[in-house]
Amino acid sequence: MLVWGVRFLAGLSLSTPSTALLWSALALSIVTVPSAVVTTREGWEPLLQGRRHDDRRRRPPRIARFPKVSIHVPVHAEPPEVVIATLDRLARLDYPDFEVLVVDNNTEDPELWRPVEEQCRRLGGRFRFFHVDGITGAKAGALNWVLPHADPAAELIAVVDADYHVEPSWLQDTVGHFAEPRMGFVQAPHAYRGHEGSRFATWANWEYAVFFRTGMVSLDRHGAGLTVGTMSLIRTSALVEAGGWAEWCLTEDSELSIRIHALGYHSVYLTEPYGRGLVPPTFEAYRRQRFRWTYGPVQELGRHGRLFLPSFLGGRGSELTRSQRLHHANHGIDVAGIGVRAIALGLGVAGAGSMVIHDEVVRMPFELWLGATASLLGSWVLRLLVHRRVVGASLGQAVGATLAFASLSLVITVASLRATCGVPAQWHRTTKFRPRSSALRAIRGASTETLTGSALLALGVALLTSASGGSGLVVMVAIALFAKGLVFLSATAMALMADRDLRRAVVRPQVEFESVAA
């Protein structure tokens, strides 16, 4: 379609402003295609290749000895009952040699951290609690601060978020991978609990699952797996050699995987969850989390770009394989491409406006309508197949996950643009507190999406009513605006749905879940 589009635009006779705007939009679209192809294949690869994930890499050799594991639990202003439940689960680990270090980072209210300190005392000598003020660097700063306090004999460092309920078999089933001397880290997927009574949380849960069942599996196949902030098991020497956690990066977890792989260490991604956390209770918290996850990869690309380049282009030497360079680089390039595509859409809209102003009419050939329609329908079918065949979602769950992802479109675009342009951003934790229901707060939390979506719908109507003679190209741009506007307005629906679930008090954050073995 891009080749056809070039030939089509080349044959048009339009005013200079219209021509320049349309060519600029097409050029930006072409720039993002290679990265989009890599990302699309990462998402579709598990579907295209079935169940050919290398089980031998996921099944470690039998444990000949039990290396000491230091489990680090960073905490900041969390509900004490949530953290205590996490610690109680860690106390049940079926593993003979581990310690748990809880680092409470800058929590001002003693009512939040003193119960956790007392619980560590009750759980015995394996558990140590640190309340520290003045730590900078957010979660990465807390993890760096606590690292020197780990037992010197600890060969492995584990990271567990404050809300995760860990399976007793987690360490027993995974440390065997480190029998390979160059194994740098072993990562289990994010998974969630307590969402069954909330439609918002359930749809968000299935939206999360797509990446961990597709993209993460594909990255692992290419040796470019990521650490993802919790349920991570890292070789201590690799972490120290890499320089610790990156306090400058909003995704300090995935950034670390680049530096560990650059040192020549390997990694393994496990497809079965060994722990489950809580879904953000509100849409506002959900979107803040996704802002951070989007912004960080562009920071990684900016800091480590030379690692991904060949030497003749000024690349910096490392142990990264060609495949690792491609996929680690694309992790940031694809995110930056989201913002570039948004700019391309803006240029296309400006081009359509210019055509209206200059009273220019371009009839759209049947080939373009057919190609665009087939591309859109094919994308939907493949998305549905991924949800059904790879993720294991029902049709309703797949639709819900798609709506949940659509609701994040604007914040993802904004984060991409801000990161690409170097606009500073702060690290925000994902709250575990369940707020009171407030429809006004819910609407305010999605106000940017609501206003932007409404504006795009209005602009689409304006283009349609202004198009001279029903210009096909202007109509197509108007349809794109309608579609994008509806996508953005899905955030309003998700925000109100989350608030409705809070009002009905159906979110049950402490619900137990079946074990992996069961």
Protein backbone atom coordinates (compact mmCIF):
# COMPACT_ATOMS: atom_id res chain seq x y z
CA MET A 1 0.00 0.00 0.00
CA LEU A 2 2.90 2.38 0.69
CA VAL A 3 4.37 1.76 -2.77
CA TRP A 4 0.93 2.25 -4.30
CA GLY A 5 0.47 5.42 -2.19
CA VAL A 6 3.71 6.92 -3.50
CA ARG A 7 2.63 6.32 -7.09
CA PHE A 8 -0.85 7.67 -6.34
CA LEU A 9 0.40 10.92 -4.76
CA ALA A 10 2.94 11.38 -7.52
CA GLY A 11 0.12 11.46 -10.06
CA LEU A 12 -1.94 14.14 -8.29
CA SER A 13 -1.99 17.79 -9.30
CA LEU A 14 -2.67 19.79 -6.14
CA SER A 15 -1.69 23.12 -4.65
CA THR A 16 1.75 23.42 -3.13
CA PRO A 17 0.51 23.41 0.51
CA SER A 18 -1.67 20.34 -0.03
CA THR A 19 1.08 18.49 -1.87
CA ALA A 20 3.70 19.29 0.79
CA LEU A 21 1.45 18.25 3.67
CA LEU A 22 0.37 14.96 2.07
CA TRP A 23 3.91 14.01 1.07
CA SER A 24 5.17 14.84 4.58
CA ALA A 25 2.47 12.65 6.12
CA LEU A 26 3.36 9.75 3.82
CA ALA A 27 7.09 10.17 4.46
CA LEU A 28 6.64 10.00 8.23
CA SER A 29 4.43 6.93 7.85
CA ILE A 30 7.10 5.21 5.78
CA VAL A 31 9.78 5.98 8.39
CA THR A 32 7.88 4.05 11.06
CA VAL A 33 7.17 0.96 8.96
CA PRO A 34 10.34 -1.11 9.66
CA SER A 35 9.93 -0.79 13.43
CA ALA A 36 6.21 -1.51 13.21
CA VAL A 37 6.96 -4.68 11.21
CA VAL A 38 9.34 -5.94 13.92
CA THR A 39 6.87 -5.17 16.71
CA THR A 40 3.97 -6.73 14.82
CA ARG A 41 5.97 -9.90 14.28
CA GLU A 42 6.88 -10.00 17.98
CA GLY A 43 3.18 -9.87 18.80
CA TRP A 44 2.13 -12.43 16.19
CA GLU A 45 5.09 -14.81 16.41
CA PRO A 46 3.63 -17.05 19.15
CA LEU A 47 0.47 -17.37 17.04
CA LEU A 48 2.38 -18.06 13.82
CA GLN A 49 4.70 -20.60 15.43
CA GLY A 50 2.18 -22.27 17.72
CA ARG A 51 3.60 -23.77 20.90
CA ARG A 52 7.20 -24.06 19.79
CA HIS A 53 8.58 -22.16 22.76
CA ASP A 54 11.71 -24.03 23.81
CA ASP A 55 10.56 -25.93 26.91
CA ARG A 56 14.13 -27.00 27.69
CA ARG A 57 15.04 -23.39 28.43
CA ARG A 58 12.09 -23.03 30.79
CA ARG A 59 12.81 -26.25 32.70
CA PRO A 60 15.96 -25.79 34.76
CA PRO A 61 18.26 -28.66 35.66
CA ARG A 62 17.73 -30.30 39.02
CA ILE A 63 19.12 -28.21 41.85
CA ALA A 64 22.47 -29.55 43.00
CA ARG A 65 22.73 -26.87 45.69
CA PHE A 66 20.63 -24.00 46.99
CA PRO A 67 22.27 -20.59 46.40
CA LYS A 68 21.25 -17.92 48.86
CA VAL A 69 18.59 -15.53 47.54
CA SER A 70 18.10 -11.98 48.83
CA ILE A 71 14.53 -10.87 48.10
CA HIS A 72 14.05 -7.10 47.94
CA VAL A 73 10.60 -5.56 48.50
CA PRO A 74 10.52 -1.79 47.80
CA VAL A 75 7.66 0.02 49.55
CA HIS A 76 6.42 3.60 49.40
CA ALA A 77 3.25 4.72 51.22
CA GLU A 78 1.47 1.42 50.67
CA PRO A 79 -1.52 0.05 52.63
CA PRO A 80 0.16 -1.94 55.43
CA GLU A 81 -2.28 -4.84 55.14
CA VAL A 82 -1.31 -5.27 51.47
CA VAL A 83 2.42 -5.35 52.25
CA ILE A 84 1.93 -7.66 55.23
CA ALA A 85 0.02 -10.14 53.06
CA THR A 86 2.93 -10.08 50.58
CA LEU A 87 5.44 -10.77 53.36
CA ASP A 88 3.34 -13.61 54.77
CA ARG A 89 3.39 -15.26 51.34
CA LEU A 90 7.15 -14.86 51.10
CA ALA A 91 7.51 -16.51 54.50
CA ARG A 92 5.89 -19.64 53.02
CA LEU A 93 8.47 -20.06 50.25
CA ASP A 94 9.56 -23.67 49.88
CA TYR A 95 13.25 -22.85 49.74
CA PRO A 96 15.90 -23.37 52.42
CA ASP A 97 18.14 -20.31 52.06
CA PHE A 98 16.67 -16.87 51.49
CA GLU A 99 16.25 -13.50 53.18
CA VAL A 100 13.71 -10.71 52.69
CA LEU A 101 14.76 -7.06 52.84
CA VAL A 102 11.90 -4.56 52.98
CA VAL A 103 13.00 -1.02 52.15
CA ASP A 104 10.38 1.59 52.99
CA ASN A 105 11.22 4.58 50.82
CA ASN A 106 10.24 8.05 52.07
CA THR A 107 6.89 7.11 53.64
CA GLU A 108 5.98 10.02 55.88
CA ASP A 109 3.06 8.50 57.80
CA PRO A 110 4.30 6.11 60.55
CA GLU A 111 0.87 4.46 60.58
CA LEU A 112 1.72 3.02 57.19
CA TRP A 113 5.20 1.66 57.82
CA ARG A 114 5.31 0.72 61.52
CA PRO A 115 2.86 -2.22 61.15
CA VAL A 116 5.08 -3.57 58.37
CA GLU A 117 8.16 -3.19 60.56
CA GLU A 118 6.40 -5.07 63.35
CA GLN A 119 5.37 -7.86 60.98
CA CYS A 120 8.98 -8.29 59.84
CA ARG A 121 9.97 -8.63 63.48
CA ARG A 122 7.31 -11.30 64.02
CA LEU A 123 8.38 -13.24 60.93
CA GLY A 124 11.88 -13.73 62.32
CA GLY A 125 15.50 -13.22 61.39
CA ARG A 126 15.05 -13.84 57.69
CA PHE A 127 13.08 -10.60 57.42
CA ARG A 128 14.74 -7.21 57.81
CA PHE A 129 12.98 -3.86 57.61
CA PHE A 130 14.52 -0.51 56.65
CA HIS A 131 12.67 2.79 56.85
CA VAL A 132 14.70 5.40 54.98
CA ASP A 133 14.02 9.07 54.31
CA GLY A 134 15.78 11.10 51.64
CA ILE A 135 16.18 8.38 49.02
CA THR A 136 16.10 9.76 45.48
CA GLY A 137 15.60 7.87 42.24
CA ALA A 138 12.21 6.37 43.17
CA LYS A 139 12.07 2.56 43.04
CA ALA A 140 15.52 2.25 41.46
CA GLY A 141 16.97 4.44 44.21
CA ALA A 142 15.42 2.27 46.91
CA LEU A 143 16.73 -0.92 45.30
CA ASN A 144 20.22 0.57 44.96
CA TRP A 145 20.13 1.72 48.58
CA VAL A 146 19.24 -1.71 49.94
CA LEU A 147 21.64 -3.69 47.73
CA PRO A 148 24.71 -3.24 50.01
CA HIS A 149 22.60 -4.49 52.94
CA ALA A 150 22.06 -7.88 51.31
CA ASP A 151 23.83 -10.85 52.81
CA PRO A 152 27.31 -11.03 51.17
CA ALA A 153 26.64 -14.71 50.53
CA ALA A 154 23.54 -13.95 48.42
CA GLU A 155 24.30 -15.11 44.87
CA LEU A 156 20.89 -14.05 43.58
CA ILE A 157 18.77 -10.92 44.03
CA ALA A 158 14.99 -11.17 43.67
CA VAL A 159 12.61 -8.23 43.33
CA VAL A 160 8.98 -8.52 44.44
CA ASP A 161 6.49 -5.66 44.37
CA ALA A 162 4.67 -4.80 47.59
CA ASP A 163 1.32 -6.25 46.43
CA TYR A 164 2.46 -9.59 44.96
CA HIS A 165 1.36 -12.94 46.39
CA VAL A 166 4.16 -15.34 45.52
CA GLU A 167 3.78 -19.06 44.96
CA PRO A 168 5.74 -21.24 47.48
CA SER A 169 7.50 -23.07 44.62
CA TRP A 170 8.83 -19.93 42.91
CA LEU A 171 12.50 -20.16 43.93
CA GLN A 172 12.56 -23.96 44.00
CA ASP A 173 11.39 -24.03 40.37
CA THR A 174 13.62 -21.28 39.00
CA VAL A 175 17.04 -21.05 40.64
CA GLY A 176 18.22 -24.11 38.74
CA HIS A 177 18.56 -21.95 35.64
CA PHE A 178 21.53 -20.26 37.29
CA ALA A 179 23.54 -23.48 37.07
CA GLU A 180 24.54 -21.96 33.73
CA PRO A 181 27.38 -19.59 34.72
CA ARG A 182 26.35 -16.86 32.29
CA MET A 183 22.67 -16.83 33.21
CA GLY A 184 21.97 -13.19 34.12
CA PHE A 185 18.29 -13.17 35.06
CA VAL A 186 15.14 -15.25 35.08
CA GLN A 187 11.84 -13.43 34.69
CA ALA A 188 8.31 -14.63 35.44
CA PRO A 189 5.33 -12.80 33.90
CA HIS A 190 3.16 -10.19 35.53
CA ALA A 191 -0.15 -11.69 36.61
CA TYR A 192 -3.07 -10.36 38.61
CA ARG A 193 -5.63 -11.37 41.22
CA GLY A 194 -8.82 -10.06 42.76
CA HIS A 195 -10.22 -8.78 39.47
CA GLU A 196 -13.04 -11.26 39.04
CA GLY A 197 -15.78 -9.01 40.43
CA SER A 198 -14.78 -5.91 38.47
CA ARG A 199 -15.32 -5.55 34.74
CA PHE A 200 -12.72 -2.76 34.55
CA ALA A 201 -10.09 -4.81 36.39
CA THR A 202 -10.90 -7.96 34.41
CA TRP A 203 -10.54 -6.20 31.08
CA ALA A 204 -7.31 -4.58 32.24
CA ASN A 205 -6.06 -8.01 33.36
CA TRP A 206 -6.62 -9.47 29.89
CA GLU A 207 -5.05 -6.40 28.29
CA TYR A 208 -1.91 -6.93 30.38
CA ALA A 209 -1.85 -10.62 29.50
CA VAL A 210 -1.42 -10.04 25.77
CA PHE A 211 2.12 -8.66 26.06
CA PHE A 212 3.24 -11.31 28.52
CA ARG A 213 1.88 -14.15 26.37
CA THR A 214 3.12 -12.78 23.04
CA GLY A 215 5.76 -10.03 22.99
CA MET A 216 7.72 -11.32 25.98
CA VAL A 217 7.72 -14.86 24.59
CA SER A 218 8.99 -13.62 21.23
CA LEU A 219 11.71 -11.48 22.83
CA ASP A 220 12.86 -14.49 24.84
CA ARG A 221 13.13 -16.57 21.68
CA HIS A 222 15.52 -13.96 20.28
CA GLY A 223 17.58 -13.75 23.47
CA ALA A 224 16.30 -10.25 24.21
CA GLY A 225 14.03 -10.89 27.19
CA LEU A 226 13.26 -8.08 29.62
CA THR A 227 13.22 -7.73 33.37
CA VAL A 228 9.83 -6.27 34.28
CA GLY A 229 10.15 -4.96 37.81
CA THR A 230 8.67 -7.77 39.87
CA MET A 231 9.07 -11.55 40.02
CA SER A 232 12.60 -10.98 38.76
CA LEU A 233 15.52 -13.19 39.80
CA ILE A 234 18.93 -11.67 38.98
CA ARG A 235 22.48 -12.90 39.45
CA THR A 236 24.03 -10.58 42.03
CA SER A 237 27.38 -10.36 40.25
CA ALA A 238 25.62 -9.43 36.98
CA LEU A 239 23.62 -6.70 38.70
CA VAL A 240 26.72 -5.26 40.34
CA GLU A 241 28.82 -5.54 37.18
CA ALA A 242 26.10 -3.76 35.21
CA GLY A 243 26.17 -0.86 37.66
CA GLY A 244 22.95 -1.42 39.60
CA TRP A 245 19.56 0.08 38.87
CA ALA A 246 19.15 3.13 36.60
CA GLU A 247 17.71 5.95 38.70
CA TRP A 248 17.41 8.19 35.64
CA CYS A 249 15.00 5.88 33.82
CA LEU A 250 11.24 5.50 34.31
CA THR A 251 11.55 1.83 33.30
CA GLU A 252 14.54 0.90 35.43
CA ASP A 253 13.57 -2.76 35.05
CA SER A 254 13.69 -3.25 31.27
CA GLU A 255 16.67 -0.88 31.05
CA LEU A 256 18.70 -3.22 33.26
CA SER A 257 18.21 -6.10 30.82
CA ILE A 258 20.05 -4.15 28.11
CA ARG A 259 23.14 -3.68 30.28
CA ILE A 260 23.12 -7.27 31.52
CA HIS A 261 22.85 -8.66 27.98
CA ALA A 262 25.56 -6.23 26.83
CA LEU A 263 27.90 -7.92 29.32
CA GLY A 264 27.31 -11.27 27.65
CA TYR A 265 24.84 -12.72 30.16
CA HIS A 266 21.81 -14.74 29.04
CA SER A 267 18.23 -14.70 30.30
CA VAL A 268 15.12 -16.86 30.49
CA TYR A 269 11.49 -15.85 30.47
CA LEU A 270 9.03 -18.21 32.12
CA THR A 271 5.53 -18.36 30.67
CA GLU A 272 3.84 -19.55 33.87
CA PRO A 273 3.14 -16.95 36.60
CA TYR A 274 4.61 -17.52 40.06
CA GLY A 275 2.99 -14.50 41.68
CA ARG A 276 0.02 -12.20 41.27
CA GLY A 277 -0.50 -8.53 42.09
CA LEU A 278 -3.31 -6.00 42.05
CA VAL A 279 -4.78 -4.21 39.06
CA PRO A 280 -4.79 -0.40 39.51
CA PRO A 281 -8.14 0.53 41.12
CA THR A 282 -8.91 3.53 38.89
CA PHE A 283 -8.46 4.43 35.26
CA GLU A 284 -6.28 7.38 36.27
CA ALA A 285 -3.85 5.03 38.02
CA TYR A 286 -4.00 2.65 35.04
CA ARG A 287 -3.10 5.41 32.58
CA ARG A 288 -0.31 6.79 34.81
CA GLN A 289 1.26 3.36 34.90
CA ARG A 290 1.13 3.10 31.11
CA PHE A 291 2.66 6.56 30.72
CA ARG A 292 5.70 5.35 32.64
CA TRP A 293 5.92 2.11 30.67
CA THR A 294 5.80 4.09 27.40
CA TYR A 295 8.14 6.92 28.32
CA GLY A 296 10.95 4.73 29.68
CA PRO A 297 11.86 2.74 26.53
CA VAL A 298 12.55 5.98 24.64
CA GLN A 299 14.90 7.00 27.46
CA GLU A 300 16.63 3.63 27.10
CA LEU A 301 17.06 4.17 23.37
CA GLY A 302 18.54 7.62 23.91
CA ARG A 303 21.03 6.40 26.53
CA HIS A 304 22.09 3.14 24.86
CA GLY A 305 21.64 3.95 21.16
CA ARG A 306 25.31 3.40 20.36
CA LEU A 307 25.13 -0.14 21.71
CA PHE A 308 22.67 -1.00 18.95
CA LEU A 309 24.65 0.47 16.04
CA PRO A 310 27.25 -1.41 13.99
CA SER A 311 30.84 -0.30 14.55
CA PHE A 312 31.13 1.43 11.14
CA LEU A 313 28.30 3.76 12.25
CA GLY A 314 29.96 4.60 15.54
CA GLY A 315 28.51 1.76 17.57
CA ARG A 316 29.97 0.97 20.96
CA GLY A 317 31.38 -2.50 21.44
CA SER A 318 29.44 -4.96 23.61
CA GLU A 319 28.46 -8.62 23.82
CA LEU A 320 25.00 -7.96 22.37
CA THR A 321 24.10 -10.32 19.55
CA ARG A 322 22.67 -8.99 16.32
CA SER A 323 19.21 -10.16 17.36
CA GLN A 324 19.51 -8.52 20.78
CA ARG A 325 20.60 -5.24 19.21
CA LEU A 326 17.59 -5.32 16.89
CA HIS A 327 14.96 -6.10 19.52
CA HIS A 328 16.34 -3.95 22.35
CA ALA A 329 16.65 -1.00 19.96
CA ASN A 330 13.18 -1.59 18.58
CA HIS A 331 11.75 -1.56 22.11
CA GLY A 332 12.42 2.19 22.10
CA ILE A 333 12.16 2.94 18.37
CA ASP A 334 8.65 1.52 18.13
CA VAL A 335 7.46 3.61 21.06
CA ALA A 336 8.95 6.74 19.49
CA GLY A 337 7.19 5.75 16.25
CA ILE A 338 3.81 6.06 17.97
CA GLY A 339 4.37 9.78 18.34
CA VAL A 340 5.70 10.06 14.80
CA ARG A 341 2.55 8.40 13.44
CA ALA A 342 0.44 10.85 15.43
CA ILE A 343 2.30 13.71 13.77
CA ALA A 344 1.73 12.04 10.39
CA LEU A 345 -2.01 11.90 11.10
CA GLY A 346 -1.93 15.59 11.99
CA LEU A 347 -0.20 16.41 8.72
CA GLY A 348 -2.77 14.33 6.84
CA VAL A 349 -5.59 16.27 8.52
CA ALA A 350 -3.85 19.55 7.66
CA GLY A 351 -3.51 18.32 4.08
CA ALA A 352 -7.22 17.53 3.92
CA GLY A 353 -7.97 20.99 5.33
CA SER A 354 -5.77 22.55 2.68
CA MET A 355 -7.66 20.65 -0.02
CA VAL A 356 -10.95 21.97 1.34
CA ILE A 357 -9.60 25.54 1.39
CA HIS A 358 -8.29 25.24 -2.18
CA ASP A 359 -11.48 23.52 -3.37
CA GLU A 360 -9.48 20.48 -4.56
CA VAL A 361 -11.21 17.19 -5.29
CA VAL A 362 -9.42 13.83 -5.33
CA ARG A 363 -11.48 10.75 -6.13
CA MET A 364 -10.32 7.70 -4.21
CA PRO A 365 -9.72 4.63 -6.39
CA PHE A 366 -11.40 1.37 -5.48
CA GLU A 367 -7.95 -0.19 -4.91
CA LEU A 368 -7.25 2.11 -1.98
CA TRP A 369 -10.60 1.49 -0.31
CA LEU A 370 -10.15 -2.25 -0.77
CA GLY A 371 -6.58 -2.25 0.51
CA ALA A 372 -7.40 -0.12 3.56
CA THR A 373 -10.47 -2.22 4.40
CA ALA A 374 -8.63 -5.52 4.00
CA SER A 375 -5.74 -4.26 6.13
CA LEU A 376 -8.07 -3.13 8.90
CA LEU A 377 -10.17 -6.30 8.92
CA GLY A 378 -7.07 -8.50 8.73
CA SER A 379 -5.58 -6.72 11.71
CA TRP A 380 -8.78 -7.26 13.72
CA VAL A 381 -8.95 -10.94 12.82
CA LEU A 382 -5.31 -11.54 13.78
CA ARG A 383 -5.80 -9.63 17.04
CA LEU A 384 -8.80 -11.83 17.85
CA LEU A 385 -6.82 -14.97 17.01
CA VAL A 386 -3.99 -13.87 19.32
CA HIS A 387 -6.44 -13.29 22.16
CA ARG A 388 -8.26 -16.59 21.62
CA ARG A 389 -5.47 -18.98 20.61
CA VAL A 390 -2.44 -17.58 22.45
CA VAL A 391 -3.81 -15.67 25.43
CA GLY A 392 -6.76 -18.00 25.99
CA ALA A 393 -9.36 -15.25 26.34
CA SER A 394 -13.04 -15.69 25.53
CA LEU A 395 -14.63 -13.50 22.87
CA GLY A 396 -16.01 -11.15 25.51
CA GLN A 397 -12.66 -10.97 27.29
CA ALA A 398 -10.89 -10.28 23.99
CA VAL A 399 -13.29 -7.42 23.22
CA GLY A 400 -12.79 -6.04 26.73
CA ALA A 401 -9.01 -6.23 26.47
CA THR A 402 -9.16 -4.45 23.11
CA LEU A 403 -11.30 -1.68 24.62
CA ALA A 404 -8.92 -1.39 27.59
CA PHE A 405 -5.94 -1.00 25.27
CA ALA A 406 -7.81 1.51 23.13
CA SER A 407 -8.52 3.61 26.22
CA LEU A 408 -4.76 4.03 26.71
CA SER A 409 -4.10 5.26 23.17
CA LEU A 410 -3.87 8.96 23.97
CA VAL A 411 -1.66 8.62 27.04
CA ILE A 412 0.64 6.31 25.07
CA THR A 413 0.84 8.87 22.27
CA VAL A 414 1.50 11.75 24.69
CA ALA A 415 4.17 9.76 26.53
CA SER A 416 5.83 8.89 23.21
CA LEU A 417 5.89 12.51 22.07
CA ARG A 418 7.13 13.83 25.42
CA ALA A 419 9.89 11.23 25.65
CA THR A 420 10.97 11.73 22.04
CA CYS A 421 11.08 15.51 22.50
CA GLY A 422 12.95 15.18 25.81
CA VAL A 423 10.22 16.73 27.96
CA PRO A 424 11.01 15.67 31.57
CA ALA A 425 8.68 13.30 33.41
CA GLN A 426 8.54 12.03 36.97
CA TRP A 427 8.25 8.49 38.28
CA HIS A 428 4.82 7.86 39.83
CA ARG A 429 4.05 4.72 41.79
CA THR A 430 0.86 2.78 41.07
CA THR A 431 -1.37 3.26 44.11
CA LYS A 432 -2.71 0.21 45.96
CA PHE A 433 -5.23 2.21 47.96
CA ARG A 434 -8.82 1.79 46.85
CA PRO A 435 -10.41 5.26 46.71
CA ARG A 436 -14.03 6.13 47.29
CA SER A 437 -16.32 6.19 44.30
CA SER A 438 -16.54 9.58 42.58
CA ALA A 439 -17.96 9.93 39.08
CA LEU A 440 -16.63 13.48 38.93
CA ARG A 441 -13.11 12.34 39.73
CA ALA A 442 -13.42 9.54 37.18
CA ILE A 443 -14.47 11.96 34.45
CA ARG A 444 -11.72 14.37 35.44
CA GLY A 445 -9.17 11.55 35.26
CA ALA A 446 -10.12 10.94 31.62
CA SER A 447 -10.82 14.59 30.75
CA THR A 448 -7.93 14.86 28.28
CA GLU A 449 -9.17 11.83 26.34
CA THR A 450 -12.77 13.07 26.48
CA LEU A 451 -11.93 16.52 25.15
CA THR A 452 -9.52 15.25 22.50
CA GLY A 453 -11.90 12.55 21.31
CA SER A 454 -14.80 15.00 21.09
CA ALA A 455 -12.63 17.49 19.20
CA LEU A 456 -11.60 14.85 16.66
CA LEU A 457 -15.23 13.85 16.07
CA ALA A 458 -16.16 17.50 15.56
CA LEU A 459 -13.24 17.99 13.18
CA GLY A 460 -14.29 14.93 11.21
CA VAL A 461 -17.79 16.33 10.84
CA ALA A 462 -16.36 19.68 9.75
CA LEU A 463 -14.23 18.01 7.06
CA LEU A 464 -17.17 16.00 5.73
CA THR A 465 -19.47 18.98 5.53
CA SER A 466 -16.80 21.15 3.93
CA ALA A 467 -15.52 18.65 1.37
CA SER A 468 -16.20 19.94 -2.12
CA GLY A 469 -17.95 17.37 -4.26
CA GLY A 470 -17.39 14.63 -1.72
CA SER A 471 -13.64 14.43 -2.19
CA GLY A 472 -12.63 10.85 -1.51
CA LEU A 473 -9.32 11.67 0.14
CA VAL A 474 -10.96 14.14 2.53
CA VAL A 475 -13.63 11.56 3.35
CA MET A 476 -10.97 8.99 4.17
CA VAL A 477 -9.20 11.45 6.49
CA ALA A 478 -12.54 12.25 8.15
CA ILE A 479 -13.16 8.54 8.73
CA ALA A 480 -9.72 8.25 10.33
CA LEU A 481 -10.60 11.16 12.63
CA PHE A 482 -13.90 9.54 13.59
CA ALA A 483 -12.12 6.26 14.39
CA LYS A 484 -9.41 7.96 16.44
CA GLY A 485 -11.98 10.06 18.28
CA LEU A 486 -13.98 6.98 19.28
CA VAL A 487 -10.77 5.27 20.40
CA PHE A 488 -9.94 8.18 22.69
CA LEU A 489 -13.50 8.34 24.06
CA SER A 490 -13.21 4.70 25.13
CA ALA A 491 -11.09 6.08 27.99
CA THR A 492 -14.17 7.90 29.31
CA ALA A 493 -16.12 4.65 29.27
CA MET A 494 -13.33 2.80 31.09
CA ALA A 495 -13.03 5.54 33.72
CA LEU A 496 -16.76 5.47 34.45
CA MET A 497 -16.75 1.67 34.49
CA ALA A 498 -13.94 1.63 37.05
CA ASP A 499 -15.85 4.10 39.21
CA ARG A 500 -19.02 2.03 38.93
CA ASP A 501 -17.12 -1.01 40.17
CA LEU A 502 -15.82 0.98 43.13
CA ARG A 503 -19.32 2.19 43.90
CA ARG A 504 -20.67 -1.34 43.87
CA ALA A 505 -17.79 -2.43 46.10
CA VAL A 506 -17.10 -5.46 43.94
CA VAL A 507 -13.32 -5.11 43.75
CA ARG A 508 -11.86 -7.75 46.07
CA PRO A 509 -8.09 -7.13 46.29
CA GLN A 510 -7.40 -9.90 48.78
CA VAL A 511 -9.11 -12.73 46.88
CA GLU A 512 -7.07 -15.91 46.94
CA PHE A 513 -5.97 -17.53 43.70
CA GLU A 514 -5.32 -21.07 42.65
CA SER A 515 -1.71 -22.17 42.74
CA VAL A 516 0.24 -22.74 39.56
CA ALA A 517 0.48 -26.43 40.40
CA ALA A 518 -3.31 -26.68 40.71
